[in-house]
ModelCIF file with pLDDT and N, C-alpha, C, O atoms, coordinates in Angstrom:
data_MODEL
#
_entry.id   MODEL 
#
_entity.id                         1 
_entity.type                       polymer 
_entity.pdbx_number_of_molecules   1 
#
_entity_poly.entity_id                      1 
_entity_poly.type                           'polypeptide(L)' 
_entity_poly.nstd_linkage                   no 
_entity_poly.nstd_monomer                   no 
_entity_poly.pdbx_seq_one_letter_code       
;(UNK)(UNK)(UNK)(UNK)(UNK)(UNK)(UNK)(UNK)(UNK)(UNK)(UNK)(UNK)(UNK)(UNK)(UNK)(UNK)
(UNK)(UNK)(UNK)(UNK)(UNK)(UNK)(UNK)(UNK)(UNK)(UNK)(UNK)(UNK)(UNK)(UNK)(UNK)(UNK)
(UNK)(UNK)(UNK)(UNK)(UNK)(UNK)(UNK)(UNK)(UNK)(UNK)(UNK)(UNK)(UNK)(UNK)(UNK)
;
_entity_poly.pdbx_seq_one_letter_code_can   XXXXXXXXXXXXXXXXXXXXXXXXXXXXXXXXXXXXXXXXXXXXXXX 
_entity_poly.pdbx_strand_id                 A 
#
loop_
_entity_poly_seq.entity_id 
_entity_poly_seq.num 
_entity_poly_seq.mon_id 
_entity_poly_seq.hetero 
1 1  UNK n 
1 2  UNK n 
1 3  UNK n 
1 4  UNK n 
1 5  UNK n 
1 6  UNK n 
1 7  UNK n 
1 8  UNK n 
1 9  UNK n 
1 10 UNK n 
1 11 UNK n 
1 12 UNK n 
1 13 UNK n 
1 14 UNK n 
1 15 UNK n 
1 16 UNK n 
1 17 UNK n 
1 18 UNK n 
1 19 UNK n 
1 20 UNK n 
1 21 UNK n 
1 22 UNK n 
1 23 UNK n 
1 24 UNK n 
1 25 UNK n 
1 26 UNK n 
1 27 UNK n 
1 28 UNK n 
1 29 UNK n 
1 30 UNK n 
1 31 UNK n 
1 32 UNK n 
1 33 UNK n 
1 34 UNK n 
1 35 UNK n 
1 36 UNK n 
1 37 UNK n 
1 38 UNK n 
1 39 UNK n 
1 40 UNK n 
1 41 UNK n 
1 42 UNK n 
1 43 UNK n 
1 44 UNK n 
1 45 UNK n 
1 46 UNK n 
1 47 UNK n 
#
_struct_asym.id          A 
_struct_asym.entity_id   1 
#
loop_
_ma_qa_metric.id 
_ma_qa_metric.mode 
_ma_qa_metric.name 
_ma_qa_metric.software_group_id 
_ma_qa_metric.type 
1 global pLDDT . pLDDT 
2 local  pLDDT . pLDDT 
#
_ma_qa_metric_global.metric_id      1 
_ma_qa_metric_global.metric_value   91.68 
_ma_qa_metric_global.model_id       1 
_ma_qa_metric_global.ordinal_id     1 
#
loop_
_ma_qa_metric_local.label_asym_id 
_ma_qa_metric_local.label_comp_id 
_ma_qa_metric_local.label_seq_id 
_ma_qa_metric_local.metric_id 
_ma_qa_metric_local.metric_value 
_ma_qa_metric_local.model_id 
_ma_qa_metric_local.ordinal_id 
A UNK 1  2 65.00 1 1  
A UNK 2  2 70.00 1 2  
A UNK 3  2 69.00 1 3  
A UNK 4  2 74.00 1 4  
A UNK 5  2 70.00 1 5  
A UNK 6  2 73.00 1 6  
A UNK 7  2 82.00 1 7  
A UNK 8  2 93.00 1 8  
A UNK 9  2 94.00 1 9  
A UNK 10 2 92.00 1 10 
A UNK 11 2 94.00 1 11 
A UNK 12 2 93.00 1 12 
A UNK 13 2 95.00 1 13 
A UNK 14 2 92.00 1 14 
A UNK 15 2 93.00 1 15 
A UNK 16 2 93.00 1 16 
A UNK 17 2 93.00 1 17 
A UNK 18 2 95.00 1 18 
A UNK 19 2 92.00 1 19 
A UNK 20 2 91.00 1 20 
A UNK 21 2 93.00 1 21 
A UNK 22 2 93.00 1 22 
A UNK 23 2 94.00 1 23 
A UNK 24 2 94.00 1 24 
A UNK 25 2 94.00 1 25 
A UNK 26 2 96.00 1 26 
A UNK 27 2 96.00 1 27 
A UNK 28 2 96.00 1 28 
A UNK 29 2 96.00 1 29 
A UNK 30 2 97.00 1 30 
A UNK 31 2 96.00 1 31 
A UNK 32 2 97.00 1 32 
A UNK 33 2 98.00 1 33 
A UNK 34 2 97.00 1 34 
A UNK 35 2 97.00 1 35 
A UNK 36 2 98.00 1 36 
A UNK 37 2 97.00 1 37 
A UNK 38 2 97.00 1 38 
A UNK 39 2 97.00 1 39 
A UNK 40 2 97.00 1 40 
A UNK 41 2 97.00 1 41 
A UNK 42 2 97.00 1 42 
A UNK 43 2 97.00 1 43 
A UNK 44 2 96.00 1 44 
A UNK 45 2 96.00 1 45 
A UNK 46 2 97.00 1 46 
A UNK 47 2 96.00 1 47 
#
loop_
_atom_site.group_PDB 
_atom_site.id 
_atom_site.type_symbol 
_atom_site.label_atom_id 
_atom_site.label_alt_id 
_atom_site.label_comp_id 
_atom_site.label_asym_id 
_atom_site.label_entity_id 
_atom_site.label_seq_id 
_atom_site.pdbx_PDB_ins_code 
_atom_site.Cartn_x 
_atom_site.Cartn_y 
_atom_site.Cartn_z 
_atom_site.occupancy 
_atom_site.B_iso_or_equiv 
_atom_site.pdbx_formal_charge 
_atom_site.auth_seq_id 
_atom_site.auth_comp_id 
_atom_site.auth_asym_id 
_atom_site.auth_atom_id 
_atom_site.pdbx_PDB_model_num 
ATOM 1   N N  . UNK A 1 1  ? 0.841   -1.188  -0.361  1.00 65.00 ? 1  UNK A N  1 
ATOM 2   C CA . UNK A 1 1  ? 0.043   0.641   -0.256  1.00 65.00 ? 1  UNK A CA 1 
ATOM 3   C C  . UNK A 1 1  ? 1.195   0.974   0.122   1.00 65.00 ? 1  UNK A C  1 
ATOM 4   O O  . UNK A 1 1  ? 2.273   0.648   0.619   1.00 65.00 ? 1  UNK A O  1 
ATOM 5   N N  . UNK A 1 2  ? 0.289   2.057   -0.476  1.00 70.00 ? 2  UNK A N  1 
ATOM 6   C CA . UNK A 1 2  ? 0.765   3.638   -0.167  1.00 70.00 ? 2  UNK A CA 1 
ATOM 7   C C  . UNK A 1 2  ? 0.837   3.793   1.217   1.00 70.00 ? 2  UNK A C  1 
ATOM 8   O O  . UNK A 1 2  ? 0.043   3.204   1.949   1.00 70.00 ? 2  UNK A O  1 
ATOM 9   N N  . UNK A 1 3  ? 2.127   4.877   1.855   1.00 69.00 ? 3  UNK A N  1 
ATOM 10  C CA . UNK A 1 3  ? 2.507   5.355   2.594   1.00 69.00 ? 3  UNK A CA 1 
ATOM 11  C C  . UNK A 1 3  ? 0.874   6.744   2.439   1.00 69.00 ? 3  UNK A C  1 
ATOM 12  O O  . UNK A 1 3  ? 0.233   7.418   1.633   1.00 69.00 ? 3  UNK A O  1 
ATOM 13  N N  . UNK A 1 4  ? 0.995   6.403   3.828   1.00 74.00 ? 4  UNK A N  1 
ATOM 14  C CA . UNK A 1 4  ? -1.307  6.877   4.030   1.00 74.00 ? 4  UNK A CA 1 
ATOM 15  C C  . UNK A 1 4  ? 0.039   8.200   4.893   1.00 74.00 ? 4  UNK A C  1 
ATOM 16  O O  . UNK A 1 4  ? 1.131   8.083   5.449   1.00 74.00 ? 4  UNK A O  1 
ATOM 17  N N  . UNK A 1 5  ? -1.213  9.740   4.426   1.00 70.00 ? 5  UNK A N  1 
ATOM 18  C CA . UNK A 1 5  ? -0.666  10.871  4.979   1.00 70.00 ? 5  UNK A CA 1 
ATOM 19  C C  . UNK A 1 5  ? -1.744  9.945   7.513   1.00 70.00 ? 5  UNK A C  1 
ATOM 20  O O  . UNK A 1 5  ? -2.572  9.039   7.411   1.00 70.00 ? 5  UNK A O  1 
ATOM 21  N N  . UNK A 1 6  ? -1.519  10.281  8.480   1.00 73.00 ? 6  UNK A N  1 
ATOM 22  C CA . UNK A 1 6  ? -2.024  10.549  9.507   1.00 73.00 ? 6  UNK A CA 1 
ATOM 23  C C  . UNK A 1 6  ? -1.506  8.872   10.203  1.00 73.00 ? 6  UNK A C  1 
ATOM 24  O O  . UNK A 1 6  ? -2.120  8.348   11.132  1.00 73.00 ? 6  UNK A O  1 
ATOM 25  N N  . UNK A 1 7  ? -0.362  8.276   9.568   1.00 82.00 ? 7  UNK A N  1 
ATOM 26  C CA . UNK A 1 7  ? -0.470  6.693   10.421  1.00 82.00 ? 7  UNK A CA 1 
ATOM 27  C C  . UNK A 1 7  ? -1.503  5.947   10.456  1.00 82.00 ? 7  UNK A C  1 
ATOM 28  O O  . UNK A 1 7  ? -1.555  5.376   11.545  1.00 82.00 ? 7  UNK A O  1 
ATOM 29  N N  . UNK A 1 8  ? -2.281  5.702   9.838   1.00 93.00 ? 8  UNK A N  1 
ATOM 30  C CA . UNK A 1 8  ? -3.556  5.468   9.853   1.00 93.00 ? 8  UNK A CA 1 
ATOM 31  C C  . UNK A 1 8  ? -3.450  4.063   11.117  1.00 93.00 ? 8  UNK A C  1 
ATOM 32  O O  . UNK A 1 8  ? -2.459  3.380   10.862  1.00 93.00 ? 8  UNK A O  1 
ATOM 33  N N  . UNK A 1 9  ? -4.198  3.559   12.300  1.00 94.00 ? 9  UNK A N  1 
ATOM 34  C CA . UNK A 1 9  ? -4.258  2.097   12.793  1.00 94.00 ? 9  UNK A CA 1 
ATOM 35  C C  . UNK A 1 9  ? -5.192  0.952   11.029  1.00 94.00 ? 9  UNK A C  1 
ATOM 36  O O  . UNK A 1 9  ? -6.181  1.281   10.374  1.00 94.00 ? 9  UNK A O  1 
ATOM 37  N N  . UNK A 1 10 ? -4.656  0.203   10.936  1.00 92.00 ? 10 UNK A N  1 
ATOM 38  C CA . UNK A 1 10 ? -4.857  -1.698  10.265  1.00 92.00 ? 10 UNK A CA 1 
ATOM 39  C C  . UNK A 1 10 ? -5.743  -2.061  10.973  1.00 92.00 ? 10 UNK A C  1 
ATOM 40  O O  . UNK A 1 10 ? -5.867  -1.922  12.190  1.00 92.00 ? 10 UNK A O  1 
ATOM 41  N N  . UNK A 1 11 ? -6.933  -2.938  9.637   1.00 94.00 ? 11 UNK A N  1 
ATOM 42  C CA . UNK A 1 11 ? -7.300  -3.877  10.004  1.00 94.00 ? 11 UNK A CA 1 
ATOM 43  C C  . UNK A 1 11 ? -7.972  -4.321  9.050   1.00 94.00 ? 11 UNK A C  1 
ATOM 44  O O  . UNK A 1 11 ? -8.897  -3.715  8.509   1.00 94.00 ? 11 UNK A O  1 
ATOM 45  N N  . UNK A 1 12 ? -7.243  -6.306  8.526   1.00 93.00 ? 12 UNK A N  1 
ATOM 46  C CA . UNK A 1 12 ? -8.190  -6.373  7.741   1.00 93.00 ? 12 UNK A CA 1 
ATOM 47  C C  . UNK A 1 12 ? -9.327  -7.448  7.898   1.00 93.00 ? 12 UNK A C  1 
ATOM 48  O O  . UNK A 1 12 ? -9.414  -8.560  8.420   1.00 93.00 ? 12 UNK A O  1 
ATOM 49  N N  . UNK A 1 13 ? -10.268 -6.488  7.113   1.00 95.00 ? 13 UNK A N  1 
ATOM 50  C CA . UNK A 1 13 ? -11.714 -7.484  7.503   1.00 95.00 ? 13 UNK A CA 1 
ATOM 51  C C  . UNK A 1 13 ? -12.026 -8.028  5.773   1.00 95.00 ? 13 UNK A C  1 
ATOM 52  O O  . UNK A 1 13 ? -12.246 -7.517  4.675   1.00 95.00 ? 13 UNK A O  1 
ATOM 53  N N  . UNK A 1 14 ? -11.922 -8.978  6.204   1.00 92.00 ? 14 UNK A N  1 
ATOM 54  C CA . UNK A 1 14 ? -12.290 -9.636  4.280   1.00 92.00 ? 14 UNK A CA 1 
ATOM 55  C C  . UNK A 1 14 ? -13.857 -10.284 4.172   1.00 92.00 ? 14 UNK A C  1 
ATOM 56  O O  . UNK A 1 14 ? -14.591 -10.894 4.950   1.00 92.00 ? 14 UNK A O  1 
ATOM 57  N N  . UNK A 1 15 ? -13.932 -9.920  3.096   1.00 93.00 ? 15 UNK A N  1 
ATOM 58  C CA . UNK A 1 15 ? -15.615 -10.106 3.045   1.00 93.00 ? 15 UNK A CA 1 
ATOM 59  C C  . UNK A 1 15 ? -14.600 -11.578 0.465   1.00 93.00 ? 15 UNK A C  1 
ATOM 60  O O  . UNK A 1 15 ? -13.767 -11.663 -0.437  1.00 93.00 ? 15 UNK A O  1 
ATOM 61  N N  . UNK A 1 16 ? -16.131 -12.204 1.275   1.00 93.00 ? 16 UNK A N  1 
ATOM 62  C CA . UNK A 1 16 ? -16.474 -12.358 -0.783  1.00 93.00 ? 16 UNK A CA 1 
ATOM 63  C C  . UNK A 1 16 ? -16.349 -11.565 -1.055  1.00 93.00 ? 16 UNK A C  1 
ATOM 64  O O  . UNK A 1 16 ? -16.631 -10.549 -0.420  1.00 93.00 ? 16 UNK A O  1 
ATOM 65  N N  . UNK A 1 17 ? -15.825 -11.622 -2.223  1.00 93.00 ? 17 UNK A N  1 
ATOM 66  C CA . UNK A 1 17 ? -16.288 -10.132 -3.182  1.00 93.00 ? 17 UNK A CA 1 
ATOM 67  C C  . UNK A 1 17 ? -17.647 -11.075 -4.372  1.00 93.00 ? 17 UNK A C  1 
ATOM 68  O O  . UNK A 1 17 ? -17.750 -12.034 -5.136  1.00 93.00 ? 17 UNK A O  1 
ATOM 69  N N  . UNK A 1 18 ? -18.492 -9.849  -3.735  1.00 95.00 ? 18 UNK A N  1 
ATOM 70  C CA . UNK A 1 18 ? -19.801 -10.442 -4.611  1.00 95.00 ? 18 UNK A CA 1 
ATOM 71  C C  . UNK A 1 18 ? -19.854 -10.403 -5.935  1.00 95.00 ? 18 UNK A C  1 
ATOM 72  O O  . UNK A 1 18 ? -20.361 -11.298 -6.612  1.00 95.00 ? 18 UNK A O  1 
ATOM 73  N N  . UNK A 1 19 ? -19.114 -8.924  -6.585  1.00 92.00 ? 19 UNK A N  1 
ATOM 74  C CA . UNK A 1 19 ? -19.053 -8.947  -8.220  1.00 92.00 ? 19 UNK A CA 1 
ATOM 75  C C  . UNK A 1 19 ? -18.482 -9.950  -8.771  1.00 92.00 ? 19 UNK A C  1 
ATOM 76  O O  . UNK A 1 19 ? -18.340 -9.906  -9.994  1.00 92.00 ? 19 UNK A O  1 
ATOM 77  N N  . UNK A 1 20 ? -17.983 -11.162 -8.004  1.00 91.00 ? 20 UNK A N  1 
ATOM 78  C CA . UNK A 1 20 ? -17.612 -12.579 -8.812  1.00 91.00 ? 20 UNK A CA 1 
ATOM 79  C C  . UNK A 1 20 ? -18.550 -13.485 -8.597  1.00 91.00 ? 20 UNK A C  1 
ATOM 80  O O  . UNK A 1 20 ? -17.878 -14.516 -8.621  1.00 91.00 ? 20 UNK A O  1 
ATOM 81  N N  . UNK A 1 21 ? -19.582 -13.792 -8.415  1.00 93.00 ? 21 UNK A N  1 
ATOM 82  C CA . UNK A 1 21 ? -20.799 -14.633 -7.559  1.00 93.00 ? 21 UNK A CA 1 
ATOM 83  C C  . UNK A 1 21 ? -20.834 -14.837 -9.230  1.00 93.00 ? 21 UNK A C  1 
ATOM 84  O O  . UNK A 1 21 ? -20.704 -14.154 -10.246 1.00 93.00 ? 21 UNK A O  1 
ATOM 85  N N  . UNK A 1 22 ? -21.184 -16.686 -8.711  1.00 93.00 ? 22 UNK A N  1 
ATOM 86  C CA . UNK A 1 22 ? -21.429 -16.671 -9.748  1.00 93.00 ? 22 UNK A CA 1 
ATOM 87  C C  . UNK A 1 22 ? -22.919 -17.009 -9.846  1.00 93.00 ? 22 UNK A C  1 
ATOM 88  O O  . UNK A 1 22 ? -23.678 -16.755 -8.910  1.00 93.00 ? 22 UNK A O  1 
ATOM 89  N N  . UNK A 1 23 ? -23.393 -17.655 -11.131 1.00 94.00 ? 23 UNK A N  1 
ATOM 90  C CA . UNK A 1 23 ? -25.257 -18.043 -11.074 1.00 94.00 ? 23 UNK A CA 1 
ATOM 91  C C  . UNK A 1 23 ? -26.081 -16.976 -11.573 1.00 94.00 ? 23 UNK A C  1 
ATOM 92  O O  . UNK A 1 23 ? -25.949 -16.042 -12.364 1.00 94.00 ? 23 UNK A O  1 
ATOM 93  N N  . UNK A 1 24 ? -27.032 -17.472 -10.787 1.00 94.00 ? 24 UNK A N  1 
ATOM 94  C CA . UNK A 1 24 ? -28.585 -16.830 -11.587 1.00 94.00 ? 24 UNK A CA 1 
ATOM 95  C C  . UNK A 1 24 ? -28.806 -15.021 -11.166 1.00 94.00 ? 24 UNK A C  1 
ATOM 96  O O  . UNK A 1 24 ? -27.861 -14.354 -10.746 1.00 94.00 ? 24 UNK A O  1 
ATOM 97  N N  . UNK A 1 25 ? -29.591 -14.696 -11.282 1.00 94.00 ? 25 UNK A N  1 
ATOM 98  C CA . UNK A 1 25 ? -28.872 -12.836 -10.915 1.00 94.00 ? 25 UNK A CA 1 
ATOM 99  C C  . UNK A 1 25 ? -29.776 -12.772 -9.514  1.00 94.00 ? 25 UNK A C  1 
ATOM 100 O O  . UNK A 1 25 ? -29.632 -11.754 -8.836  1.00 94.00 ? 25 UNK A O  1 
ATOM 101 N N  . UNK A 1 26 ? -30.639 -13.730 -9.070  1.00 96.00 ? 26 UNK A N  1 
ATOM 102 C CA . UNK A 1 26 ? -30.854 -13.963 -7.550  1.00 96.00 ? 26 UNK A CA 1 
ATOM 103 C C  . UNK A 1 26 ? -29.541 -14.460 -7.055  1.00 96.00 ? 26 UNK A C  1 
ATOM 104 O O  . UNK A 1 26 ? -28.771 -13.514 -6.887  1.00 96.00 ? 26 UNK A O  1 
ATOM 105 N N  . UNK A 1 27 ? -29.163 -15.294 -6.845  1.00 96.00 ? 27 UNK A N  1 
ATOM 106 C CA . UNK A 1 27 ? -27.340 -15.631 -7.006  1.00 96.00 ? 27 UNK A CA 1 
ATOM 107 C C  . UNK A 1 27 ? -26.476 -14.952 -6.560  1.00 96.00 ? 27 UNK A C  1 
ATOM 108 O O  . UNK A 1 27 ? -25.574 -15.249 -5.777  1.00 96.00 ? 27 UNK A O  1 
ATOM 109 N N  . UNK A 1 28 ? -26.777 -13.797 -7.156  1.00 96.00 ? 28 UNK A N  1 
ATOM 110 C CA . UNK A 1 28 ? -25.717 -12.538 -7.220  1.00 96.00 ? 28 UNK A CA 1 
ATOM 111 C C  . UNK A 1 28 ? -26.169 -11.633 -6.450  1.00 96.00 ? 28 UNK A C  1 
ATOM 112 O O  . UNK A 1 28 ? -25.494 -10.850 -5.782  1.00 96.00 ? 28 UNK A O  1 
ATOM 113 N N  . UNK A 1 29 ? -27.979 -11.744 -6.545  1.00 96.00 ? 29 UNK A N  1 
ATOM 114 C CA . UNK A 1 29 ? -27.715 -10.159 -5.102  1.00 96.00 ? 29 UNK A CA 1 
ATOM 115 C C  . UNK A 1 29 ? -28.105 -10.976 -4.069  1.00 96.00 ? 29 UNK A C  1 
ATOM 116 O O  . UNK A 1 29 ? -28.471 -10.265 -3.133  1.00 96.00 ? 29 UNK A O  1 
ATOM 117 N N  . UNK A 1 30 ? -28.250 -12.849 -3.655  1.00 97.00 ? 30 UNK A N  1 
ATOM 118 C CA . UNK A 1 30 ? -27.675 -12.987 -2.320  1.00 97.00 ? 30 UNK A CA 1 
ATOM 119 C C  . UNK A 1 30 ? -26.270 -12.440 -2.046  1.00 97.00 ? 30 UNK A C  1 
ATOM 120 O O  . UNK A 1 30 ? -25.958 -11.675 -1.133  1.00 97.00 ? 30 UNK A O  1 
ATOM 121 N N  . UNK A 1 31 ? -25.500 -12.944 -2.959  1.00 96.00 ? 31 UNK A N  1 
ATOM 122 C CA . UNK A 1 31 ? -24.233 -12.510 -2.758  1.00 96.00 ? 31 UNK A CA 1 
ATOM 123 C C  . UNK A 1 31 ? -23.956 -11.129 -1.738  1.00 96.00 ? 31 UNK A C  1 
ATOM 124 O O  . UNK A 1 31 ? -23.572 -11.031 -0.573  1.00 96.00 ? 31 UNK A O  1 
ATOM 125 N N  . UNK A 1 32 ? -24.337 -10.162 -2.745  1.00 97.00 ? 32 UNK A N  1 
ATOM 126 C CA . UNK A 1 32 ? -24.088 -8.052  -2.395  1.00 97.00 ? 32 UNK A CA 1 
ATOM 127 C C  . UNK A 1 32 ? -25.205 -8.650  -0.831  1.00 97.00 ? 32 UNK A C  1 
ATOM 128 O O  . UNK A 1 32 ? -25.103 -7.705  -0.048  1.00 97.00 ? 32 UNK A O  1 
ATOM 129 N N  . UNK A 1 33 ? -25.894 -9.465  -0.330  1.00 98.00 ? 33 UNK A N  1 
ATOM 130 C CA . UNK A 1 33 ? -27.096 -8.630  0.858   1.00 98.00 ? 33 UNK A CA 1 
ATOM 131 C C  . UNK A 1 33 ? -26.014 -9.593  1.831   1.00 98.00 ? 33 UNK A C  1 
ATOM 132 O O  . UNK A 1 33 ? -25.872 -9.161  2.975   1.00 98.00 ? 33 UNK A O  1 
ATOM 133 N N  . UNK A 1 34 ? -24.916 -11.381 1.340   1.00 97.00 ? 34 UNK A N  1 
ATOM 134 C CA . UNK A 1 34 ? -24.606 -11.470 2.251   1.00 97.00 ? 34 UNK A CA 1 
ATOM 135 C C  . UNK A 1 34 ? -23.377 -11.040 2.563   1.00 97.00 ? 34 UNK A C  1 
ATOM 136 O O  . UNK A 1 34 ? -22.851 -11.131 3.673   1.00 97.00 ? 34 UNK A O  1 
ATOM 137 N N  . UNK A 1 35 ? -22.816 -10.473 1.390   1.00 97.00 ? 35 UNK A N  1 
ATOM 138 C CA . UNK A 1 35 ? -21.395 -9.177  2.198   1.00 97.00 ? 35 UNK A CA 1 
ATOM 139 C C  . UNK A 1 35 ? -22.124 -7.656  2.930   1.00 97.00 ? 35 UNK A C  1 
ATOM 140 O O  . UNK A 1 35 ? -21.557 -7.020  3.819   1.00 97.00 ? 35 UNK A O  1 
ATOM 141 N N  . UNK A 1 36 ? -23.260 -7.339  2.423   1.00 98.00 ? 36 UNK A N  1 
ATOM 142 C CA . UNK A 1 36 ? -24.019 -6.217  3.025   1.00 98.00 ? 36 UNK A CA 1 
ATOM 143 C C  . UNK A 1 36 ? -24.209 -5.835  4.439   1.00 98.00 ? 36 UNK A C  1 
ATOM 144 O O  . UNK A 1 36 ? -23.881 -4.860  5.114   1.00 98.00 ? 36 UNK A O  1 
ATOM 145 N N  . UNK A 1 37 ? -25.121 -7.398  4.751   1.00 97.00 ? 37 UNK A N  1 
ATOM 146 C CA . UNK A 1 37 ? -24.833 -8.133  6.084   1.00 97.00 ? 37 UNK A CA 1 
ATOM 147 C C  . UNK A 1 37 ? -23.914 -7.259  7.115   1.00 97.00 ? 37 UNK A C  1 
ATOM 148 O O  . UNK A 1 37 ? -24.120 -6.375  7.947   1.00 97.00 ? 37 UNK A O  1 
ATOM 149 N N  . UNK A 1 38 ? -22.090 -8.429  6.303   1.00 97.00 ? 38 UNK A N  1 
ATOM 150 C CA . UNK A 1 38 ? -21.284 -8.654  7.330   1.00 97.00 ? 38 UNK A CA 1 
ATOM 151 C C  . UNK A 1 38 ? -20.581 -7.693  7.277   1.00 97.00 ? 38 UNK A C  1 
ATOM 152 O O  . UNK A 1 38 ? -20.029 -7.483  8.357   1.00 97.00 ? 38 UNK A O  1 
ATOM 153 N N  . UNK A 1 39 ? -20.066 -6.220  5.656   1.00 97.00 ? 39 UNK A N  1 
ATOM 154 C CA . UNK A 1 39 ? -19.934 -5.496  6.639   1.00 97.00 ? 39 UNK A CA 1 
ATOM 155 C C  . UNK A 1 39 ? -21.107 -4.457  7.351   1.00 97.00 ? 39 UNK A C  1 
ATOM 156 O O  . UNK A 1 39 ? -20.812 -3.300  7.650   1.00 97.00 ? 39 UNK A O  1 
ATOM 157 N N  . UNK A 1 40 ? -21.902 -4.789  7.483   1.00 97.00 ? 40 UNK A N  1 
ATOM 158 C CA . UNK A 1 40 ? -22.847 -3.787  8.695   1.00 97.00 ? 40 UNK A CA 1 
ATOM 159 C C  . UNK A 1 40 ? -23.202 -3.804  9.597   1.00 97.00 ? 40 UNK A C  1 
ATOM 160 O O  . UNK A 1 40 ? -23.593 -3.113  10.538  1.00 97.00 ? 40 UNK A O  1 
ATOM 161 N N  . UNK A 1 41 ? -22.986 -5.061  9.143   1.00 97.00 ? 41 UNK A N  1 
ATOM 162 C CA . UNK A 1 41 ? -22.485 -5.534  12.003  1.00 97.00 ? 41 UNK A CA 1 
ATOM 163 C C  . UNK A 1 41 ? -21.093 -5.354  12.324  1.00 97.00 ? 41 UNK A C  1 
ATOM 164 O O  . UNK A 1 41 ? -20.693 -5.141  13.468  1.00 97.00 ? 41 UNK A O  1 
ATOM 165 N N  . UNK A 1 42 ? -20.221 -5.457  11.115  1.00 97.00 ? 42 UNK A N  1 
ATOM 166 C CA . UNK A 1 42 ? -18.648 -4.892  11.630  1.00 97.00 ? 42 UNK A CA 1 
ATOM 167 C C  . UNK A 1 42 ? -18.392 -3.708  10.930  1.00 97.00 ? 42 UNK A C  1 
ATOM 168 O O  . UNK A 1 42 ? -17.218 -3.578  10.584  1.00 97.00 ? 42 UNK A O  1 
ATOM 169 N N  . UNK A 1 43 ? -19.331 -2.610  10.558  1.00 97.00 ? 43 UNK A N  1 
ATOM 170 C CA . UNK A 1 43 ? -18.929 -1.659  11.213  1.00 97.00 ? 43 UNK A CA 1 
ATOM 171 C C  . UNK A 1 43 ? -20.645 -0.932  12.216  1.00 97.00 ? 43 UNK A C  1 
ATOM 172 O O  . UNK A 1 43 ? -21.000 0.200   12.546  1.00 97.00 ? 43 UNK A O  1 
ATOM 173 N N  . UNK A 1 44 ? -21.059 -1.877  12.319  1.00 96.00 ? 44 UNK A N  1 
ATOM 174 C CA . UNK A 1 44 ? -22.001 -0.770  13.100  1.00 96.00 ? 44 UNK A CA 1 
ATOM 175 C C  . UNK A 1 44 ? -21.410 -1.186  14.667  1.00 96.00 ? 44 UNK A C  1 
ATOM 176 O O  . UNK A 1 44 ? -21.714 -0.634  15.724  1.00 96.00 ? 44 UNK A O  1 
ATOM 177 N N  . UNK A 1 45 ? -20.250 -2.606  14.422  1.00 96.00 ? 45 UNK A N  1 
ATOM 178 C CA . UNK A 1 45 ? -19.318 -2.456  15.594  1.00 96.00 ? 45 UNK A CA 1 
ATOM 179 C C  . UNK A 1 45 ? -18.137 -1.808  16.761  1.00 96.00 ? 45 UNK A C  1 
ATOM 180 O O  . UNK A 1 45 ? -17.616 -1.738  17.874  1.00 96.00 ? 45 UNK A O  1 
ATOM 181 N N  . UNK A 1 46 ? -18.257 -1.511  15.634  1.00 97.00 ? 46 UNK A N  1 
ATOM 182 C CA . UNK A 1 46 ? -16.468 -0.018  15.650  1.00 97.00 ? 46 UNK A CA 1 
ATOM 183 C C  . UNK A 1 46 ? -17.201 1.249   15.452  1.00 97.00 ? 46 UNK A C  1 
ATOM 184 O O  . UNK A 1 46 ? -16.706 2.104   16.187  1.00 97.00 ? 46 UNK A O  1 
ATOM 185 N N  . UNK A 1 47 ? -18.003 1.629   14.881  1.00 96.00 ? 47 UNK A N  1 
ATOM 186 C CA . UNK A 1 47 ? -18.484 3.203   14.597  1.00 96.00 ? 47 UNK A CA 1 
ATOM 187 C C  . UNK A 1 47 ? -19.242 2.859   16.438  1.00 96.00 ? 47 UNK A C  1 
ATOM 188 O O  . UNK A 1 47 ? -19.871 3.741   17.022  1.00 96.00 ? 47 UNK A O  1 
#
């Protein structure tokens, strides 16, 4: 990564990439919902 201004604290919050989901349109929407749900939980804890 580049050197970030401010010397930030870092962490890895890996989430599967919904943009690479295979299958039907419904399967792809479910992948995006799963990513949203995981990130929503983490961010509500963080904030």
